[in-house]
């Protein structure tokens, strides 16, 4: 159950970042370029960081927790 909640939170975070990227791209402001670059960087870095964290956790703790739940 905890994995589903965590997955939903991450999905909502990613959707929010995609929406912000679109909004920043359409804005007519002097800060738009910086905001757009930050949003695109976060859209790439957040999933990569989460994937790396997940891989490192599995290497350290093994897959025993996944096997116990199934």
C-alpha atoms as a PDB file:
ATOM      1  CA  UNK A   1       0.000   0.000   0.000  1.00  0.00           C
ATOM      2  CA  UNK A   2       2.843   2.371   0.777  1.00  0.00           C
ATOM      3  CA  UNK A   3       4.381   1.881  -2.659  1.00  0.00           C
ATOM      4  CA  UNK A   4       1.129   2.879  -4.356  1.00  0.00           C
ATOM      5  CA  UNK A   5       0.841   6.084  -2.350  1.00  0.00           C
ATOM      6  CA  UNK A   6       4.483   6.910  -3.038  1.00  0.00           C
ATOM      7  CA  UNK A   7       3.965   6.228  -6.751  1.00  0.00           C
ATOM      8  CA  UNK A   8       0.911   8.474  -6.870  1.00  0.00           C
ATOM      9  CA  UNK A   9       2.789  11.284  -5.152  1.00  0.00           C
ATOM     10  CA  UNK A  10       5.672  10.971  -7.619  1.00  0.00           C
ATOM     11  CA  UNK A  11       3.256  10.877 -10.586  1.00  0.00           C
ATOM     12  CA  UNK A  12       1.518  14.026  -9.324  1.00  0.00           C
ATOM     13  CA  UNK A  13       4.896  15.716  -8.879  1.00  0.00           C
ATOM     14  CA  UNK A  14       5.938  14.859 -12.445  1.00  0.00           C
ATOM     15  CA  UNK A  15       2.615  16.007 -13.905  1.00  0.00           C
ATOM     16  CA  UNK A  16       2.950  19.263 -11.985  1.00  0.00           C
ATOM     17  CA  UNK A  17       6.450  19.777 -13.358  1.00  0.00           C
ATOM     18  CA  UNK A  18       5.231  19.174 -16.926  1.00  0.00           C
ATOM     19  CA  UNK A  19       2.422  21.691 -16.454  1.00  0.00           C
ATOM     20  CA  UNK A  20       4.837  24.241 -15.003  1.00  0.00           C
ATOM     21  CA  UNK A  21       7.179  23.701 -17.941  1.00  0.00           C
ATOM     22  CA  UNK A  22       4.320  24.491 -20.327  1.00  0.00           C
ATOM     23  CA  UNK A  23       3.235  27.556 -18.338  1.00  0.00           C
ATOM     24  CA  UNK A  24       6.793  28.895 -18.110  1.00  0.00           C
ATOM     25  CA  UNK A  25       7.240  28.360 -21.839  1.00  0.00           C
ATOM     26  CA  UNK A  26       4.147  30.445 -22.607  1.00  0.00           C
ATOM     27  CA  UNK A  27       4.839  33.309 -20.191  1.00  0.00           C
ATOM     28  CA  UNK A  28       5.983  36.685 -21.462  1.00  0.00           C
ATOM     29  CA  UNK A  29       8.407  37.751 -18.750  1.00  0.00           C
ATOM     30  CA  UNK A  30      12.113  38.427 -18.461  1.00  0.00           C
ATOM     31  CA  UNK A  31      12.520  35.531 -16.007  1.00  0.00           C
ATOM     32  CA  UNK A  32      10.797  33.054 -18.304  1.00  0.00           C
ATOM     33  CA  UNK A  33      13.977  31.578 -19.741  1.00  0.00           C
ATOM     34  CA  UNK A  34      15.461  30.852 -16.325  1.00  0.00           C
ATOM     35  CA  UNK A  35      12.207  29.352 -15.057  1.00  0.00           C
ATOM     36  CA  UNK A  36      11.834  27.203 -18.167  1.00  0.00           C
ATOM     37  CA  UNK A  37      15.395  25.890 -17.911  1.00  0.00           C
ATOM     38  CA  UNK A  38      14.930  25.089 -14.212  1.00  0.00           C
ATOM     39  CA  UNK A  39      11.654  23.319 -14.916  1.00  0.00           C
ATOM     40  CA  UNK A  40      13.103  21.203 -17.724  1.00  0.00           C
ATOM     41  CA  UNK A  41      16.120  20.330 -15.575  1.00  0.00           C
ATOM     42  CA  UNK A  42      13.860  19.265 -12.690  1.00  0.00           C
ATOM     43  CA  UNK A  43      11.727  17.212 -15.080  1.00  0.00           C
ATOM     44  CA  UNK A  44      14.842  15.253 -16.039  1.00  0.00           C
ATOM     45  CA  UNK A  45      16.742  15.181 -12.747  1.00  0.00           C
ATOM     46  CA  UNK A  46      13.929  14.194 -10.363  1.00  0.00           C
ATOM     47  CA  UNK A  47      13.048  10.872 -12.077  1.00  0.00           C
ATOM     48  CA  UNK A  48      16.730  10.034 -12.626  1.00  0.00           C
ATOM     49  CA  UNK A  49      17.503  10.725  -8.966  1.00  0.00           C
ATOM     50  CA  UNK A  50      14.565   8.629  -7.781  1.00  0.00           C
ATOM     51  CA  UNK A  51      15.584   5.756 -10.060  1.00  0.00           C
ATOM     52  CA  UNK A  52      19.171   5.910  -8.797  1.00  0.00           C
ATOM     53  CA  UNK A  53      17.949   5.942  -5.181  1.00  0.00           C
ATOM     54  CA  UNK A  54      15.771   2.901  -5.863  1.00  0.00           C
ATOM     55  CA  UNK A  55      18.641   0.981  -7.505  1.00  0.00           C
ATOM     56  CA  UNK A  56      21.065   1.790  -4.676  1.00  0.00           C
ATOM     57  CA  UNK A  57      18.477   0.777  -2.065  1.00  0.00           C
ATOM     58  CA  UNK A  58      17.947  -2.579  -3.788  1.00  0.00           C
ATOM     59  CA  UNK A  59      21.695  -3.174  -4.021  1.00  0.00           C
ATOM     60  CA  UNK A  60      22.183  -2.450  -0.331  1.00  0.00           C
ATOM     61  CA  UNK A  61      19.105  -4.224   1.049  1.00  0.00           C
ATOM     62  CA  UNK A  62      18.538  -6.843  -1.637  1.00  0.00           C
ATOM     63  CA  UNK A  63      15.219  -7.861  -3.153  1.00  0.00           C
ATOM     64  CA  UNK A  64      13.972  -9.684  -0.048  1.00  0.00           C
ATOM     65  CA  UNK A  65      11.290  -7.098   0.670  1.00  0.00           C
ATOM     66  CA  UNK A  66       9.802  -7.415  -2.845  1.00  0.00           C
ATOM     67  CA  UNK A  67       9.724 -11.213  -2.580  1.00  0.00           C
ATOM     68  CA  UNK A  68       7.961 -11.147   0.812  1.00  0.00           C
ATOM     69  CA  UNK A  69       5.116  -8.956  -0.492  1.00  0.00           C
ATOM     70  CA  UNK A  70       4.361 -11.216  -3.483  1.00  0.00           C
END
